[in-house]
Protein backbone atom coordinates (compact mmCIF):
# COMPACT_ATOMS: atom_id res chain seq x y z
CA MET A 1 -29.99 3.54 2.32
CA PRO A 2 -27.92 0.92 0.72
CA LYS A 3 -24.88 -0.24 2.51
CA PRO A 4 -21.32 0.46 0.83
CA ALA A 5 -19.53 -2.52 -0.68
CA LYS A 6 -16.70 -3.83 1.70
CA LYS A 7 -13.32 -3.98 0.58
CA LYS A 8 -11.79 -7.74 0.76
CA LEU A 9 -8.85 -7.13 2.66
CA THR A 10 -5.90 -9.52 3.82
CA SER A 11 -3.07 -9.03 6.53
CA ILE A 12 0.72 -8.88 5.65
CA GLN A 13 3.14 -9.57 8.29
CA LEU A 14 5.95 -7.23 8.61
CA THR A 15 8.82 -6.97 11.08
CA THR A 16 8.35 -3.90 13.53
CA ASP A 17 11.42 -2.26 11.76
CA THR A 18 10.07 -2.58 8.19
CA ARG A 19 6.58 -1.08 9.58
CA ASP A 20 8.23 1.92 10.91
CA ARG A 21 10.08 2.56 8.10
CA LEU A 22 7.05 2.20 6.04
CA TYR A 23 5.33 4.67 8.45
CA LYS A 24 7.68 7.23 7.73
CA LEU A 25 7.42 7.03 4.12
CA LYS A 26 3.64 6.91 3.68
CA PHE A 27 2.79 10.16 5.17
CA ARG A 28 -1.00 10.73 5.30
CA LYS A 29 -1.96 7.80 3.10
CA THR A 30 -3.06 4.44 4.19
CA TYR A 31 -0.88 1.72 3.61
CA ASP A 32 -3.17 0.41 0.94
CA GLU A 33 -2.79 3.69 -1.03
CA PHE A 34 0.95 3.81 -0.42
CA LEU A 35 1.75 0.25 -1.51
CA SER A 36 -0.55 0.54 -4.48
CA GLU A 37 1.28 3.77 -5.57
CA LEU A 38 4.64 1.86 -4.78
CA CYS A 39 3.43 -1.12 -7.19
CA ASP A 40 2.37 1.38 -9.87
CA LEU A 41 5.84 2.80 -9.71
CA TYR A 42 7.38 -0.68 -9.91
CA GLU A 43 5.23 -1.86 -12.76
CA GLU A 44 5.82 1.56 -14.80
CA SER A 45 9.93 1.16 -14.45
CA GLN A 46 9.19 -2.27 -15.80
CA GLU A 47 7.91 -1.17 -18.71
CA GLU A 48 10.52 1.43 -19.35
CA GLU A 49 13.15 -1.38 -19.46
């Protein structure tokens, strides 16, 4: 059975206060999924301007 491709991951340093605020917002998503959606929303808002 072939091994699944590994994602290249990085680390982002956050203060504990910011991490706790993000945790409350992301619900049952991973941080990667949540931040990707946030980037998408930002890009969409920039296109509208």
